[in-house]
Amino acid sequence: MSMAAAPLLEIRRLGKRFAARHGREPPPWVIQDLSFSVEEGEFLTIIGPSGAGKSTLLNIIAQIDTASAGEIVFDGAPVTPRDPRALRPGFDRRIGYVTQDDNLLPWRSTLDNVLFALEVQRRLNDETRAHAEMLIRAVGLAGFEHYYPHELSGGMRKRTALIRTLVYDPPVILMDEPFAAVDAQTRTQLQADLMKLWHLGRKTIIFVTHDITEAIALGDRARARGLRRRLRTHSGGCAMMMIVAELWLRLAAGAGELPLPEGERVGVRGSRTIERSGPPHPRPLPVGERESHRVRGNSNAPIPNSGEGEKSPR
């Protein structure tokens, strides 16, 4: 019998609170006793409201910030410095980070922004340049290689930031609400582009969002942060909204991870079919009980052209 492969990334009883200010009460824990693991090639989404510690968690994983308790294990080795001077942001190029802002360099063109990390790492050659040009074509930016950021639409800037991270090939990519600042139509197209790129390279992705529909549509698995509170939902008559309402209530009841039930089609987002897995009518979860679930998209379904439905560059 072969042993199961160890997770690529493990979070073990992680905790974080910031330093106390003079004359104030001890600060609360932003993150406390958090544990989960991420398999190689998995797309994990983390859902939660503002202030739940989602971005703080990503900053600790990326070694931008230190943890106050617990540890992180990467590929079998503990990597949790307590001393800020020992931090290695990006953890030696093994962790990519896509933030809410695109952070493109305004004096560099689209292609030059994408190639920037390769230049810094002294890895720019014919092979890596060809890979960068392939990614540019994959997200519909062919013909805009020599445009500057101020000449691109918001969606184009987001795509450029995404492939700038993918081009140097980090095994883990963290994404902190990367599509929050764009309109709904552009967000849907960016989600399709992201899934297309993920299927090309199967990177391990941890994607943070406050939009539960986005979390369900993109992830293999969803985790909840800071949802132990009373919620009101209005499902209307749409099957997709009904399952979203159900998940909100179950997440709020304390289920840290949730899957959708197996074989029963409940909605379509873009070209990806969202399916439930498990019994057709799952029993309510008591507070504190946890259940895991997975969401799979239809990877064989066609993905729309990257430029469809988006405004033209300025």
Protein backbone atom coordinates (compact mmCIF):
# COMPACT_ATOMS: atom_id res chain seq x y z
CA MET A 1 0.00 0.00 0.00
CA SER A 2 1.45 3.38 -1.01
CA MET A 3 1.44 6.19 1.52
CA ALA A 4 -0.43 9.39 0.75
CA ALA A 5 1.75 12.33 -0.23
CA ALA A 6 2.35 14.92 2.47
CA PRO A 7 0.61 18.30 1.99
CA LEU A 8 2.68 20.97 0.31
CA LEU A 9 1.69 23.55 2.92
CA GLU A 10 0.54 23.01 6.51
CA ILE A 11 -0.74 25.63 8.96
CA ARG A 12 -0.43 24.32 12.52
CA ARG A 13 -2.22 26.09 15.37
CA LEU A 14 -1.24 29.46 13.93
CA GLY A 15 -1.86 32.60 15.97
CA LYS A 16 -1.29 36.30 15.44
CA ARG A 17 -1.82 39.41 17.51
CA PHE A 18 -0.11 42.75 17.11
CA ALA A 19 1.99 44.46 19.74
CA ALA A 20 0.15 46.24 22.57
CA ARG A 21 0.10 50.05 22.47
CA HIS A 22 1.18 52.01 25.53
CA GLY A 23 -1.68 52.49 27.96
CA ARG A 24 -4.07 50.20 26.11
CA GLU A 25 -5.50 46.78 26.88
CA PRO A 26 -3.68 43.74 25.44
CA PRO A 27 -4.65 43.44 21.76
CA PRO A 28 -7.04 40.67 20.68
CA TRP A 29 -5.95 37.71 18.60
CA VAL A 30 -6.43 38.41 14.90
CA ILE A 31 -5.81 34.71 14.20
CA GLN A 32 -5.94 32.06 16.91
CA ASP A 33 -5.34 28.29 16.86
CA LEU A 34 -5.77 28.02 13.08
CA SER A 35 -4.88 24.70 11.42
CA PHE A 36 -5.36 23.42 7.88
CA SER A 37 -3.31 21.97 5.03
CA VAL A 38 -3.12 22.53 1.27
CA GLU A 39 -2.23 19.80 -1.21
CA GLU A 40 0.05 20.35 -4.18
CA GLY A 41 -1.96 21.65 -7.13
CA GLU A 42 -5.01 22.46 -5.01
CA PHE A 43 -7.10 25.62 -5.40
CA LEU A 44 -8.22 26.62 -1.89
CA THR A 45 -10.54 29.57 -1.35
CA ILE A 46 -10.85 31.37 1.99
CA ILE A 47 -14.07 33.26 2.62
CA GLY A 48 -14.77 35.76 5.36
CA PRO A 49 -15.79 39.36 6.14
CA SER A 50 -13.40 42.28 6.54
CA GLY A 51 -11.35 42.09 9.72
CA ALA A 52 -11.38 38.26 9.90
CA GLY A 53 -7.59 38.01 9.46
CA LYS A 54 -7.55 36.76 5.86
CA SER A 55 -4.88 39.17 4.59
CA THR A 56 -2.88 38.75 7.80
CA LEU A 57 -2.81 35.00 7.19
CA LEU A 58 -1.47 35.48 3.65
CA ASN A 59 1.16 37.94 4.90
CA ILE A 60 2.41 35.36 7.42
CA ILE A 61 2.54 32.60 4.79
CA ALA A 62 4.46 34.92 2.43
CA GLN A 63 6.85 35.90 5.27
CA ILE A 64 5.89 39.55 5.09
CA ASP A 65 4.88 39.34 8.76
CA THR A 66 5.69 37.10 11.71
CA ALA A 67 3.35 34.74 13.58
CA SER A 68 2.77 35.06 17.32
CA ALA A 69 2.09 31.33 17.81
CA GLY A 70 2.07 28.06 15.90
CA GLU A 71 4.04 27.17 12.82
CA ILE A 72 3.92 26.85 9.06
CA VAL A 73 5.39 23.78 7.36
CA PHE A 74 6.35 24.11 3.70
CA ASP A 75 7.19 20.93 1.80
CA GLY A 76 7.91 19.12 5.08
CA ALA A 77 10.15 21.80 6.65
CA PRO A 78 9.08 24.31 9.36
CA VAL A 79 9.36 27.91 8.09
CA THR A 80 8.02 30.24 10.78
CA PRO A 81 10.52 32.90 11.89
CA ARG A 82 9.61 34.84 15.04
CA ASP A 83 12.24 37.53 14.48
CA PRO A 84 11.20 40.09 11.83
CA ARG A 85 14.85 40.34 10.77
CA ALA A 86 14.76 36.67 9.74
CA LEU A 87 11.81 37.10 7.37
CA ARG A 88 12.33 36.24 3.71
CA PRO A 89 9.46 37.90 1.81
CA GLY A 90 8.33 35.62 -0.98
CA PHE A 91 10.24 32.82 0.75
CA ASP A 92 13.06 32.55 -1.78
CA ARG A 93 10.77 32.90 -4.81
CA ARG A 94 8.67 29.88 -3.81
CA ILE A 95 5.59 31.95 -2.97
CA GLY A 96 3.96 34.39 -5.37
CA TYR A 97 1.60 37.06 -4.07
CA VAL A 98 -1.13 38.81 -6.08
CA THR A 99 -2.59 41.70 -4.06
CA GLN A 100 -5.70 43.85 -4.47
CA ASP A 101 -3.62 46.54 -6.24
CA ASP A 102 -1.87 45.61 -9.47
CA ASN A 103 1.31 47.52 -8.48
CA LEU A 104 2.49 47.78 -12.09
CA LEU A 105 5.53 49.97 -12.70
CA PRO A 106 4.14 52.94 -14.68
CA TRP A 107 7.34 53.50 -16.68
CA ARG A 108 7.41 49.92 -17.99
CA SER A 109 5.26 48.46 -20.75
CA THR A 110 3.04 45.39 -20.33
CA LEU A 111 5.78 43.04 -21.53
CA ASP A 112 8.47 44.75 -19.46
CA ASN A 113 6.29 44.55 -16.34
CA VAL A 114 5.76 40.82 -16.92
CA LEU A 115 9.51 40.27 -17.45
CA PHE A 116 10.57 42.35 -14.44
CA ALA A 117 10.79 39.46 -11.94
CA LEU A 118 12.83 37.39 -14.41
CA GLU A 119 15.24 40.29 -14.88
CA VAL A 120 15.68 40.71 -11.12
CA GLN A 121 16.30 36.97 -10.72
CA ARG A 122 18.69 36.99 -13.72
CA ARG A 123 16.64 34.26 -15.36
CA LEU A 124 15.61 36.13 -18.49
CA ASN A 125 16.53 34.12 -21.58
CA ASP A 126 14.90 32.98 -24.80
CA GLU A 127 12.98 30.19 -23.05
CA THR A 128 11.57 32.31 -20.21
CA ARG A 129 10.75 35.15 -22.61
CA ALA A 130 8.82 32.72 -24.83
CA HIS A 131 6.93 31.47 -21.76
CA ALA A 132 6.03 35.06 -20.83
CA GLU A 133 4.76 35.75 -24.35
CA MET A 134 2.65 32.56 -24.20
CA LEU A 135 1.02 33.75 -20.96
CA ILE A 136 0.33 37.15 -22.51
CA ARG A 137 -1.46 35.48 -25.41
CA ALA A 138 -3.35 33.13 -23.05
CA VAL A 139 -5.08 36.03 -21.29
CA GLY A 140 -5.86 38.01 -24.43
CA LEU A 141 -3.17 40.69 -24.13
CA ALA A 142 -1.54 39.97 -27.50
CA GLY A 143 -1.13 43.30 -29.29
CA PHE A 144 -0.85 45.23 -26.01
CA GLU A 145 2.70 44.17 -25.12
CA HIS A 146 4.09 47.69 -25.62
CA TYR A 147 1.25 49.61 -23.96
CA TYR A 148 1.91 51.32 -20.63
CA PRO A 149 -0.29 50.75 -17.54
CA HIS A 150 -2.16 54.06 -17.94
CA GLU A 151 -3.17 52.96 -21.46
CA LEU A 152 -4.76 49.69 -20.26
CA SER A 153 -8.19 48.99 -18.83
CA GLY A 154 -8.55 47.83 -15.24
CA GLY A 155 -9.05 44.22 -16.32
CA MET A 156 -5.96 44.30 -18.53
CA ARG A 157 -3.88 45.63 -15.64
CA LYS A 158 -5.14 42.79 -13.42
CA ARG A 159 -4.20 40.22 -16.06
CA THR A 160 -0.75 41.73 -16.38
CA ALA A 161 -0.23 41.55 -12.61
CA LEU A 162 -1.39 37.93 -12.56
CA ILE A 163 0.93 36.67 -15.27
CA ARG A 164 3.82 38.73 -13.83
CA THR A 165 3.51 36.43 -10.79
CA LEU A 166 3.03 33.24 -12.81
CA VAL A 167 5.96 33.87 -15.13
CA TYR A 168 8.68 33.09 -12.56
CA ASP A 169 6.93 29.81 -11.70
CA PRO A 170 6.45 29.84 -7.89
CA PRO A 171 4.91 26.57 -6.60
CA VAL A 172 2.44 28.46 -4.33
CA ILE A 173 0.45 31.56 -5.29
CA LEU A 174 -1.43 33.68 -2.75
CA MET A 175 -4.23 35.90 -4.03
CA ASP A 176 -5.76 38.58 -1.79
CA GLU A 177 -9.12 39.64 -3.28
CA PRO A 178 -7.43 40.37 -6.62
CA PHE A 179 -10.69 41.07 -8.50
CA ALA A 180 -12.49 43.12 -5.84
CA ALA A 181 -11.93 46.49 -7.53
CA VAL A 182 -13.38 45.65 -10.97
CA ASP A 183 -16.95 45.56 -12.23
CA ALA A 184 -18.98 42.34 -12.20
CA GLN A 185 -18.62 41.61 -15.93
CA THR A 186 -14.85 42.09 -15.89
CA ARG A 187 -14.59 40.01 -12.70
CA THR A 188 -16.34 37.09 -14.37
CA GLN A 189 -13.92 37.25 -17.30
CA LEU A 190 -10.90 37.49 -14.99
CA GLN A 191 -12.13 34.43 -13.10
CA ALA A 192 -12.32 32.52 -16.39
CA ASP A 193 -8.79 33.65 -17.29
CA LEU A 194 -7.52 32.55 -13.88
CA MET A 195 -9.05 29.08 -14.27
CA LYS A 196 -7.55 28.78 -17.74
CA LEU A 197 -4.08 29.63 -16.40
CA TRP A 198 -4.53 27.31 -13.42
CA HIS A 199 -5.37 24.39 -15.70
CA LEU A 200 -2.25 25.16 -17.76
CA GLY A 201 0.16 24.96 -14.82
CA ARG A 202 -1.79 23.51 -11.84
CA LYS A 203 -0.18 25.76 -9.27
CA THR A 204 -1.18 25.57 -5.62
CA ILE A 205 -3.41 28.62 -5.06
CA ILE A 206 -4.81 30.13 -1.86
CA PHE A 207 -7.43 32.66 -2.92
CA VAL A 208 -8.95 35.05 -0.36
CA THR A 209 -12.34 36.63 -1.02
CA HIS A 210 -15.39 38.01 0.78
CA ASP A 211 -17.66 36.89 -2.09
CA ILE A 212 -19.02 33.39 -1.36
CA THR A 213 -20.19 32.94 -4.96
CA GLU A 214 -16.63 33.54 -6.14
CA ALA A 215 -15.29 31.14 -3.51
CA ILE A 216 -17.67 28.38 -4.66
CA ALA A 217 -17.08 28.95 -8.38
CA LEU A 218 -13.28 28.93 -8.24
CA GLY A 219 -12.15 26.64 -5.45
CA ASP A 220 -11.63 22.92 -5.01
CA ARG A 221 -12.38 23.58 -1.35
CA ALA A 222 -13.58 26.54 0.71
CA ARG A 223 -12.64 27.57 4.25
CA ALA A 224 -14.44 30.13 6.40
CA ARG A 225 -12.87 32.83 8.56
CA GLY A 226 -14.82 34.90 11.11
CA LEU A 227 -18.35 33.84 10.14
CA ARG A 228 -19.71 32.87 13.59
CA ARG A 229 -22.45 35.46 13.58
CA ARG A 230 -26.14 35.71 12.66
CA LEU A 231 -26.70 36.27 8.96
CA ARG A 232 -29.78 37.13 6.93
CA THR A 233 -29.99 35.78 3.39
CA HIS A 234 -32.57 36.16 0.64
CA SER A 235 -32.38 33.28 -1.80
CA GLY A 236 -35.08 34.35 -4.27
CA GLY A 237 -35.98 31.62 -6.76
CA CYS A 238 -32.56 30.94 -8.29
CA ALA A 239 -31.01 27.55 -7.53
CA MET A 240 -27.54 29.09 -7.32
CA MET A 241 -28.71 31.68 -4.82
CA MET A 242 -30.44 28.99 -2.78
CA ILE A 243 -27.23 27.00 -2.39
CA VAL A 244 -25.29 30.19 -1.63
CA ALA A 245 -27.80 31.03 1.11
CA GLU A 246 -27.53 27.50 2.51
CA LEU A 247 -23.73 27.70 2.57
CA TRP A 248 -23.73 31.09 4.29
CA LEU A 249 -25.92 29.74 7.06
CA ARG A 250 -23.87 26.57 7.46
CA LEU A 251 -20.59 28.48 7.45
CA ALA A 252 -21.98 30.84 10.07
CA ALA A 253 -22.97 27.79 12.15
CA GLY A 254 -19.30 26.88 12.48
CA ALA A 255 -18.45 24.60 9.54
CA GLY A 256 -14.90 25.65 8.76
CA GLU A 257 -14.79 23.84 5.41
CA LEU A 258 -17.72 23.05 3.16
CA PRO A 259 -18.22 21.04 -0.02
CA LEU A 260 -21.15 21.04 -2.40
CA PRO A 261 -23.24 17.80 -2.81
CA GLU A 262 -22.33 15.15 -5.65
CA GLY A 263 -23.96 14.85 -9.02
CA GLU A 264 -26.77 17.40 -8.57
CA ARG A 265 -26.42 20.39 -10.86
CA VAL A 266 -27.34 23.60 -9.07
CA GLY A 267 -25.97 26.40 -11.19
CA VAL A 268 -23.56 27.60 -13.84
CA ARG A 269 -20.96 30.34 -13.55
CA GLY A 270 -19.40 31.28 -16.87
CA SER A 271 -18.55 27.97 -18.55
CA ARG A 272 -17.93 26.10 -15.28
CA THR A 273 -20.67 23.86 -13.91
CA ILE A 274 -20.99 23.97 -10.12
CA GLU A 275 -22.04 20.64 -8.67
CA ARG A 276 -23.03 19.55 -5.20
CA SER A 277 -21.53 16.43 -3.62
CA GLY A 278 -23.15 14.43 -0.84
CA PRO A 279 -26.79 13.81 0.10
CA PRO A 280 -29.37 15.94 -1.76
CA HIS A 281 -30.65 17.46 1.51
CA PRO A 282 -27.80 17.55 4.05
CA ARG A 283 -28.77 17.76 7.70
CA PRO A 284 -28.10 21.07 9.52
CA LEU A 285 -24.67 21.31 11.14
CA PRO A 286 -24.53 22.02 14.88
CA VAL A 287 -22.29 24.89 15.98
CA GLY A 288 -18.67 23.80 16.03
CA GLU A 289 -19.14 20.69 13.85
CA ARG A 290 -16.99 20.68 10.74
CA GLU A 291 -17.54 19.10 7.37
CA SER A 292 -15.33 19.20 4.28
CA HIS A 293 -16.41 19.56 0.68
CA ARG A 294 -14.99 20.05 -2.74
CA VAL A 295 -16.21 22.00 -5.72
CA ARG A 296 -15.20 20.97 -9.20
CA GLY A 297 -15.62 22.90 -12.40
CA ASN A 298 -16.03 21.44 -15.83
CA SER A 299 -12.46 21.67 -17.06
CA ASN A 300 -13.48 20.50 -20.55
CA ALA A 301 -15.93 23.34 -21.08
CA PRO A 302 -14.78 26.11 -23.44
CA ILE A 303 -13.58 29.32 -21.83
CA PRO A 304 -14.65 32.59 -23.47
CA ASN A 305 -12.14 34.72 -25.32
CA SER A 306 -10.23 36.85 -22.83
CA GLY A 307 -11.20 40.14 -24.38
CA GLU A 308 -14.92 39.51 -24.63
CA GLY A 309 -17.15 41.94 -22.85
CA GLU A 310 -14.40 44.18 -21.51
CA LYS A 311 -13.98 47.82 -22.24
CA SER A 312 -11.23 48.83 -24.63
CA PRO A 313 -8.01 50.37 -23.32
CA ARG A 314 -8.06 54.01 -22.54
